[in-house]
Amino acid sequence: MREIQLKDAKATFSAVVDQAVRGNPAIITRHGRKEVVVLSFEEYEKLSQVPSLGRLLAAFPGEDSDLPARGEGLRDIDL
């Protein structure tokens, strides 16, 4: 993913948007810090549909007994 300074992104915003629509998102930086990402709406929709780990765990269809007890299956590691 390419990085563009904010001042350059402002000057060429249409081109930045066109590139994002074609699948080439851009990171916009301000004073050397990454501030925002410009990406296509289609890509945004895909990313917004990805469930969080918490939601996946909450939706687990099994019983509590299907999961190993905490600490089971851990092995000792020599440091």
PDB file of N, CA and C in Angstrom:
ATOM      1  N   MET A   1       0.845  -1.160   0.000  1.00  0.00           N
ATOM      2  CA  MET A   1       0.000   0.000   0.000  1.00  0.00           C
ATOM      3  C   MET A   1       0.900   1.236   0.000  1.00  0.00           C
ATOM      4  N   ARG A   2       0.585   2.162  -0.857  1.00  0.00           N
ATOM      5  CA  ARG A   2       1.431   3.347  -0.973  1.00  0.00           C
ATOM      6  C   ARG A   2       1.060   4.392   0.070  1.00  0.00           C
ATOM      7  N   GLU A   3       2.030   5.215   0.411  1.00  0.00           N
ATOM      8  CA  GLU A   3       1.816   6.313   1.347  1.00  0.00           C
ATOM      9  C   GLU A   3       1.908   7.629   0.599  1.00  0.00           C
ATOM     10  N   ILE A   4       1.004   8.540   0.930  1.00  0.00           N
ATOM     11  CA  ILE A   4       0.970   9.847   0.290  1.00  0.00           C
ATOM     12  C   ILE A   4       0.862  10.906   1.377  1.00  0.00           C
ATOM     13  N   GLN A   5       1.641  11.952   1.241  1.00  0.00           N
ATOM     14  CA  GLN A   5       1.526  13.067   2.180  1.00  0.00           C
ATOM     15  C   GLN A   5       0.196  13.765   1.949  1.00  0.00           C
ATOM     16  N   LEU A   6      -0.381  14.295   3.002  1.00  0.00           N
ATOM     17  CA  LEU A   6      -1.684  14.931   2.935  1.00  0.00           C
ATOM     18  C   LEU A   6      -1.733  16.023   1.872  1.00  0.00           C
ATOM     19  N   LYS A   7      -0.703  16.853   1.814  1.00  0.00           N
ATOM     20  CA  LYS A   7      -0.717  17.949   0.836  1.00  0.00           C
ATOM     21  C   LYS A   7      -0.756  17.409  -0.592  1.00  0.00           C
ATOM     22  N   ASP A   8      -0.063  16.302  -0.861  1.00  0.00           N
ATOM     23  CA  ASP A   8      -0.084  15.700  -2.192  1.00  0.00           C
ATOM     24  C   ASP A   8      -1.426  15.020  -2.471  1.00  0.00           C
ATOM     25  N   ALA A   9      -2.014  14.415  -1.442  1.00  0.00           N
ATOM     26  CA  ALA A   9      -3.318  13.775  -1.611  1.00  0.00           C
ATOM     27  C   ALA A   9      -4.387  14.815  -1.927  1.00  0.00           C
ATOM     28  N   LYS A  10      -4.297  15.984  -1.283  1.00  0.00           N
ATOM     29  CA  LYS A  10      -5.261  17.052  -1.574  1.00  0.00           C
ATOM     30  C   LYS A  10      -5.149  17.504  -3.020  1.00  0.00           C
ATOM     31  N   ALA A  11      -3.933  17.631  -3.490  1.00  0.00           N
ATOM     32  CA  ALA A  11      -3.708  18.130  -4.846  1.00  0.00           C
ATOM     33  C   ALA A  11      -4.145  17.138  -5.913  1.00  0.00           C
ATOM     34  N   THR A  12      -4.146  15.847  -5.576  1.00  0.00           N
ATOM     35  CA  THR A  12      -4.480  14.810  -6.561  1.00  0.00           C
ATOM     36  C   THR A  12      -5.577  13.888  -6.051  1.00  0.00           C
ATOM     37  N   PHE A  13      -6.532  14.455  -5.319  1.00  0.00           N
ATOM     38  CA  PHE A  13      -7.531  13.623  -4.655  1.00  0.00           C
ATOM     39  C   PHE A  13      -8.313  12.738  -5.618  1.00  0.00           C
ATOM     40  N   SER A  14      -8.693  13.258  -6.768  1.00  0.00           N
ATOM     41  CA  SER A  14      -9.433  12.441  -7.739  1.00  0.00           C
ATOM     42  C   SER A  14      -8.622  11.217  -8.152  1.00  0.00           C
ATOM     43  N   ALA A  15      -7.339  11.399  -8.371  1.00  0.00           N
ATOM     44  CA  ALA A  15      -6.481  10.279  -8.757  1.00  0.00           C
ATOM     45  C   ALA A  15      -6.339   9.274  -7.615  1.00  0.00           C
ATOM     46  N   VAL A  16      -6.256   9.774  -6.379  1.00  0.00           N
ATOM     47  CA  VAL A  16      -6.157   8.884  -5.213  1.00  0.00           C
ATOM     48  C   VAL A  16      -7.419   8.032  -5.112  1.00  0.00           C
ATOM     49  N   VAL A  17      -8.578   8.662  -5.307  1.00  0.00           N
ATOM     50  CA  VAL A  17      -9.855   7.934  -5.255  1.00  0.00           C
ATOM     51  C   VAL A  17      -9.936   6.929  -6.396  1.00  0.00           C
ATOM     52  N   ASP A  18      -9.559   7.339  -7.608  1.00  0.00           N
ATOM     53  CA  ASP A  18      -9.588   6.426  -8.756  1.00  0.00           C
ATOM     54  C   ASP A  18      -8.720   5.198  -8.508  1.00  0.00           C
ATOM     55  N   GLN A  19      -7.549   5.404  -7.943  1.00  0.00           N
ATOM     56  CA  GLN A  19      -6.655   4.281  -7.635  1.00  0.00           C
ATOM     57  C   GLN A  19      -7.283   3.357  -6.590  1.00  0.00           C
ATOM     58  N   ALA A  20      -7.916   3.934  -5.582  1.00  0.00           N
ATOM     59  CA  ALA A  20      -8.554   3.125  -4.542  1.00  0.00           C
ATOM     60  C   ALA A  20      -9.673   2.276  -5.136  1.00  0.00           C
ATOM     61  N   VAL A  21     -10.452   2.853  -6.029  1.00  0.00           N
ATOM     62  CA  VAL A  21     -11.543   2.115  -6.672  1.00  0.00           C
ATOM     63  C   VAL A  21     -10.989   0.955  -7.492  1.00  0.00           C
ATOM     64  N   ARG A  22      -9.803   1.129  -8.045  1.00  0.00           N
ATOM     65  CA  ARG A  22      -9.173   0.064  -8.834  1.00  0.00           C
ATOM     66  C   ARG A  22      -8.456  -0.968  -7.969  1.00  0.00           C
ATOM     67  N   GLY A  23      -8.552  -0.823  -6.651  1.00  0.00           N
ATOM     68  CA  GLY A  23      -7.947  -1.817  -5.766  1.00  0.00           C
ATOM     69  C   GLY A  23      -6.596  -1.440  -5.217  1.00  0.00           C
ATOM     70  N   ASN A  24      -6.221  -0.176  -5.317  1.00  0.00           N
ATOM     71  CA  ASN A  24      -4.930   0.292  -4.802  1.00  0.00           C
ATOM     72  C   ASN A  24      -5.151   1.347  -3.730  1.00  0.00           C
ATOM     73  N   PRO A  25      -5.470   0.927  -2.500  1.00  0.00           N
ATOM     74  CA  PRO A  25      -5.704   1.909  -1.439  1.00  0.00           C
ATOM     75  C   PRO A  25      -4.436   2.690  -1.109  1.00  0.00           C
ATOM     76  N   ALA A  26      -4.599   3.808  -0.429  1.00  0.00           N
ATOM     77  CA  ALA A  26      -3.460   4.658  -0.073  1.00  0.00           C
ATOM     78  C   ALA A  26      -3.549   5.050   1.393  1.00  0.00           C
ATOM     79  N   ILE A  27      -2.393   5.119   2.017  1.00  0.00           N
ATOM     80  CA  ILE A  27      -2.284   5.629   3.385  1.00  0.00           C
ATOM     81  C   ILE A  27      -1.934   7.109   3.261  1.00  0.00           C
ATOM     82  N   ILE A  28      -2.701   7.957   3.935  1.00  0.00           N
ATOM     83  CA  ILE A  28      -2.435   9.389   3.924  1.00  0.00           C
ATOM     84  C   ILE A  28      -1.688   9.728   5.204  1.00  0.00           C
ATOM     85  N   THR A  29      -0.560  10.389   5.049  1.00  0.00           N
ATOM     86  CA  THR A  29       0.253  10.755   6.206  1.00  0.00           C
ATOM     87  C   THR A  29       0.202  12.263   6.422  1.00  0.00           C
ATOM     88  N   ARG A  30       0.333  12.645   7.697  1.00  0.00           N
ATOM     89  CA  ARG A  30       0.415  14.055   8.058  1.00  0.00           C
ATOM     90  C   ARG A  30       1.575  14.198   9.030  1.00  0.00           C
ATOM     91  N   HIS A  31       2.512  15.027   8.669  1.00  0.00           N
ATOM     92  CA  HIS A  31       3.720  15.236   9.479  1.00  0.00           C
ATOM     93  C   HIS A  31       4.433  13.908   9.751  1.00  0.00           C
ATOM     94  N   GLY A  32       4.428  13.015   8.746  1.00  0.00           N
ATOM     95  CA  GLY A  32       5.133  11.740   8.856  1.00  0.00           C
ATOM     96  C   GLY A  32       4.372  10.641   9.591  1.00  0.00           C
ATOM     97  N   ARG A  33       3.181  10.958  10.116  1.00  0.00           N
ATOM     98  CA  ARG A  33       2.390   9.961  10.840  1.00  0.00           C
ATOM     99  C   ARG A  33       1.269   9.460   9.954  1.00  0.00           C
ATOM    100  N   LYS A  34       1.030   8.162   9.987  1.00  0.00           N
ATOM    101  CA  LYS A  34      -0.075   7.582   9.233  1.00  0.00           C
ATOM    102  C   LYS A  34      -1.375   8.015   9.900  1.00  0.00           C
ATOM    103  N   GLU A  35      -2.262   8.650   9.112  1.00  0.00           N
ATOM    104  CA  GLU A  35      -3.495   9.196   9.674  1.00  0.00           C
ATOM    105  C   GLU A  35      -4.745   8.474   9.180  1.00  0.00           C
ATOM    106  N   VAL A  36      -4.881   8.251   7.867  1.00  0.00           N
ATOM    107  CA  VAL A  36      -6.088   7.634   7.312  1.00  0.00           C
ATOM    108  C   VAL A  36      -5.728   6.738   6.140  1.00  0.00           C
ATOM    109  N   VAL A  37      -6.696   5.917   5.751  1.00  0.00           N
ATOM    110  CA  VAL A  37      -6.550   5.066   4.570  1.00  0.00           C
ATOM    111  C   VAL A  37      -7.706   5.383   3.637  1.00  0.00           C
ATOM    112  N   VAL A  38      -7.393   5.556   2.366  1.00  0.00           N
ATOM    113  CA  VAL A  38      -8.426   5.728   1.347  1.00  0.00           C
ATOM    114  C   VAL A  38      -8.544   4.395   0.627  1.00  0.00           C
ATOM    115  N   LEU A  39      -9.742   3.791   0.710  1.00  0.00           N
ATOM    116  CA  LEU A  39      -9.978   2.527   0.029  1.00  0.00           C
ATOM    117  C   LEU A  39     -11.370   2.558  -0.578  1.00  0.00           C
ATOM    118  N   SER A  40     -11.618   1.644  -1.495  1.00  0.00           N
ATOM    119  CA  SER A  40     -12.912   1.616  -2.173  1.00  0.00           C
ATOM    120  C   SER A  40     -14.013   1.253  -1.183  1.00  0.00           C
ATOM    121  N   PHE A  41     -15.235   1.689  -1.489  1.00  0.00           N
ATOM    122  CA  PHE A  41     -16.373   1.355  -0.641  1.00  0.00           C
ATOM    123  C   PHE A  41     -16.592  -0.154  -0.620  1.00  0.00           C
ATOM    124  N   GLU A  42     -16.367  -0.804  -1.748  1.00  0.00           N
ATOM    125  CA  GLU A  42     -16.506  -2.267  -1.816  1.00  0.00           C
ATOM    126  C   GLU A  42     -15.565  -2.947  -0.826  1.00  0.00           C
ATOM    127  N   GLU A  43     -14.317  -2.495  -0.773  1.00  0.00           N
ATOM    128  CA  GLU A  43     -13.347  -3.072   0.155  1.00  0.00           C
ATOM    129  C   GLU A  43     -13.738  -2.766   1.604  1.00  0.00           C
ATOM    130  N   TYR A  44     -14.228  -1.567   1.845  1.00  0.00           N
ATOM    131  CA  TYR A  44     -14.687  -1.191   3.182  1.00  0.00           C
ATOM    132  C   TYR A  44     -15.820  -2.120   3.636  1.00  0.00           C
ATOM    133  N   GLU A  45     -16.778  -2.378   2.740  1.00  0.00           N
ATOM    134  CA  GLU A  45     -17.889  -3.266   3.098  1.00  0.00           C
ATOM    135  C   GLU A  45     -17.398  -4.660   3.454  1.00  0.00           C
ATOM    136  N   LYS A  46     -16.431  -5.181   2.695  1.00  0.00           N
ATOM    137  CA  LYS A  46     -15.872  -6.498   3.018  1.00  0.00           C
ATOM    138  C   LYS A  46     -15.258  -6.498   4.412  1.00  0.00           C
ATOM    139  N   LEU A  47     -14.486  -5.470   4.707  1.00  0.00           N
ATOM    140  CA  LEU A  47     -13.807  -5.397   6.001  1.00  0.00           C
ATOM    141  C   LEU A  47     -14.797  -5.203   7.149  1.00  0.00           C
ATOM    142  N   SER A  48     -15.865  -4.474   6.912  1.00  0.00           N
ATOM    143  CA  SER A  48     -16.821  -4.214   7.987  1.00  0.00           C
ATOM    144  C   SER A  48     -17.671  -5.445   8.310  1.00  0.00           C
ATOM    145  N   GLN A  49     -17.692  -6.437   7.444  1.00  0.00           N
ATOM    146  CA  GLN A  49     -18.468  -7.651   7.669  1.00  0.00           C
ATOM    147  C   GLN A  49     -17.691  -8.726   8.421  1.00  0.00           C
ATOM    148  N   VAL A  50     -16.406  -8.528   8.628  1.00  0.00           N
ATOM    149  CA  VAL A  50     -15.583  -9.515   9.329  1.00  0.00           C
ATOM    150  C   VAL A  50     -15.930  -9.448  10.818  1.00  0.00           C
ATOM    151  N   PRO A  51     -16.397 -10.550  11.397  1.00  0.00           N
ATOM    152  CA  PRO A  51     -16.773 -10.519  12.811  1.00  0.00           C
ATOM    153  C   PRO A  51     -15.548 -10.451  13.714  1.00  0.00           C
ATOM    154  N   SER A  52     -15.726  -9.877  14.878  1.00  0.00           N
ATOM    155  CA  SER A  52     -14.649  -9.814  15.856  1.00  0.00           C
ATOM    156  C   SER A  52     -14.468 -11.187  16.502  1.00  0.00           C
ATOM    157  N   LEU A  53     -13.350 -11.390  17.131  1.00  0.00           N
ATOM    158  CA  LEU A  53     -13.100 -12.653  17.830  1.00  0.00           C
ATOM    159  C   LEU A  53     -14.145 -12.856  18.927  1.00  0.00           C
ATOM    160  N   GLY A  54     -14.509 -11.799  19.615  1.00  0.00           N
ATOM    161  CA  GLY A  54     -15.517 -11.904  20.671  1.00  0.00           C
ATOM    162  C   GLY A  54     -16.845 -12.387  20.140  1.00  0.00           C
ATOM    163  N   ARG A  55     -17.254 -11.858  18.971  1.00  0.00           N
ATOM    164  CA  ARG A  55     -18.521 -12.294  18.373  1.00  0.00           C
ATOM    165  C   ARG A  55     -18.445 -13.752  17.928  1.00  0.00           C
ATOM    166  N   LEU A  56     -17.300 -14.152  17.393  1.00  0.00           N
ATOM    167  CA  LEU A  56     -17.142 -15.547  16.984  1.00  0.00           C
ATOM    168  C   LEU A  56     -17.240 -16.479  18.189  1.00  0.00           C
ATOM    169  N   LEU A  57     -16.589 -16.108  19.269  1.00  0.00           N
ATOM    170  CA  LEU A  57     -16.637 -16.943  20.468  1.00  0.00           C
ATOM    171  C   LEU A  57     -18.045 -16.975  21.058  1.00  0.00           C
ATOM    172  N   ALA A  58     -18.729 -15.829  21.052  1.00  0.00           N
ATOM    173  CA  ALA A  58     -20.090 -15.778  21.589  1.00  0.00           C
ATOM    174  C   ALA A  58     -21.046 -16.617  20.756  1.00  0.00           C
ATOM    175  N   ALA A  59     -20.759 -16.779  19.483  1.00  0.00           N
ATOM    176  CA  ALA A  59     -21.635 -17.541  18.593  1.00  0.00           C
ATOM    177  C   ALA A  59     -21.267 -19.025  18.545  1.00  0.00           C
ATOM    178  N   PHE A  60     -20.318 -19.461  19.353  1.00  0.00           N
ATOM    179  CA  PHE A  60     -19.879 -20.854  19.347  1.00  0.00           C
ATOM    180  C   PHE A  60     -21.073 -21.769  19.606  1.00  0.00           C
ATOM    181  N   PRO A  61     -21.378 -22.696  18.683  1.00  0.00           N
ATOM    182  CA  PRO A  61     -22.590 -23.505  18.800  1.00  0.00           C
ATOM    183  C   PRO A  61     -22.473 -24.672  19.778  1.00  0.00           C
ATOM    184  N   GLY A  62     -21.289 -24.951  20.258  1.00  0.00           N
ATOM    185  CA  GLY A  62     -21.110 -26.125  21.120  1.00  0.00           C
ATOM    186  C   GLY A  62     -21.468 -25.865  22.570  1.00  0.00           C
ATOM    187  N   GLU A  63     -21.231 -26.879  23.357  1.00  0.00           N
ATOM    188  CA  GLU A  63     -21.458 -26.802  24.801  1.00  0.00           C
ATOM    189  C   GLU A  63     -20.164 -26.395  25.480  1.00  0.00           C
ATOM    190  N   ASP A  64     -20.277 -25.923  26.709  1.00  0.00           N
ATOM    191  CA  ASP A  64     -19.078 -25.557  27.468  1.00  0.00           C
ATOM    192  C   ASP A  64     -18.123 -26.741  27.601  1.00  0.00           C
ATOM    193  N   SER A  65     -18.677 -27.940  27.691  1.00  0.00           N
ATOM    194  CA  SER A  65     -17.837 -29.131  27.860  1.00  0.00           C
ATOM    195  C   SER A  65     -17.046 -29.465  26.588  1.00  0.00           C
ATOM    196  N   ASP A  66     -17.401 -28.839  25.457  1.00  0.00           N
ATOM    197  CA  ASP A  66     -16.656 -29.064  24.223  1.00  0.00           C
ATOM    198  C   ASP A  66     -15.290 -28.380  24.242  1.00  0.00           C
ATOM    199  N   LEU A  67     -15.145 -27.417  25.119  1.00  0.00           N
ATOM    200  CA  LEU A  67     -13.892 -26.668  25.199  1.00  0.00           C
ATOM    201  C   LEU A  67     -13.026 -27.232  26.308  1.00  0.00           C
ATOM    202  N   PRO A  68     -11.716 -27.321  26.093  1.00  0.00           N
ATOM    203  CA  PRO A  68     -10.845 -27.802  27.171  1.00  0.00           C
ATOM    204  C   PRO A  68     -10.819 -26.795  28.321  1.00  0.00           C
ATOM    205  N   ALA A  69     -10.649 -27.315  29.519  1.00  0.00           N
ATOM    206  CA  ALA A  69     -10.544 -26.425  30.676  1.00  0.00           C
ATOM    207  C   ALA A  69      -9.299 -25.566  30.535  1.00  0.00           C
ATOM    208  N   ARG A  70      -9.380 -24.392  31.086  1.00  0.00           N
ATOM    209  CA  ARG A  70      -8.252 -23.472  30.990  1.00  0.00           C
ATOM    210  C   ARG A  70      -7.011 -24.111  31.596  1.00  0.00           C
ATOM    211  N   GLY A  71      -5.917 -24.040  30.864  1.00  0.00           N
ATOM    212  CA  GLY A  71      -4.667 -24.608  31.341  1.00  0.00           C
ATOM    213  C   GLY A  71      -4.421 -26.026  30.851  1.00  0.00           C
ATOM    214  N   GLU A  72      -5.460 -26.724  30.432  1.00  0.00           N
ATOM    215  CA  GLU A  72      -5.273 -28.076  29.903  1.00  0.00           C
ATOM    216  C   GLU A  72      -4.557 -28.004  28.566  1.00  0.00           C
ATOM    217  N   GLY A  73      -3.698 -28.950  28.351  1.00  0.00           N
ATOM    218  CA  GLY A  73      -3.024 -29.026  27.057  1.00  0.00           C
ATOM    219  C   GLY A  73      -1.825 -28.118  26.950  1.00  0.00           C
ATOM    220  N   LEU A  74      -1.509 -27.382  27.983  1.00  0.00           N
ATOM    221  CA  LEU A  74      -0.324 -26.523  27.941  1.00  0.00           C
ATOM    222  C   LEU A  74       0.898 -27.366  28.271  1.00  0.00           C
ATOM    223  N   ARG A  75       1.986 -27.012  27.674  1.00  0.00           N
ATOM    224  CA  ARG A  75       3.199 -27.760  27.961  1.00  0.00           C
ATOM    225  C   ARG A  75       4.215 -26.857  28.607  1.00  0.00           C
ATOM    226  N   ASP A  76       5.133 -27.459  29.344  1.00  0.00           N
ATOM    227  CA  ASP A  76       6.186 -26.697  29.988  1.00  0.00           C
ATOM    228  C   ASP A  76       7.209 -26.275  28.935  1.00  0.00           C
ATOM    229  N   ILE A  77       7.650 -25.057  29.047  1.00  0.00           N
ATOM    230  CA  ILE A  77       8.649 -24.531  28.125  1.00  0.00           C
ATOM    231  C   ILE A  77       9.883 -24.148  28.915  1.00  0.00           C
ATOM    232  N   ASP A  78      11.019 -24.683  28.514  1.00  0.00           N
ATOM    233  CA  ASP A  78      12.285 -24.326  29.166  1.00  0.00           C
ATOM    234  C   ASP A  78      12.784 -23.007  28.597  1.00  0.00           C
ATOM    235  N   LEU A  79      13.006 -22.050  29.453  1.00  0.00           N
ATOM    236  CA  LEU A  79      13.511 -20.765  28.997  1.00  0.00           C
ATOM    237  C   LEU A  79      14.980 -20.686  29.143  1.00  0.00           C
TER     238      LEU A  79
END
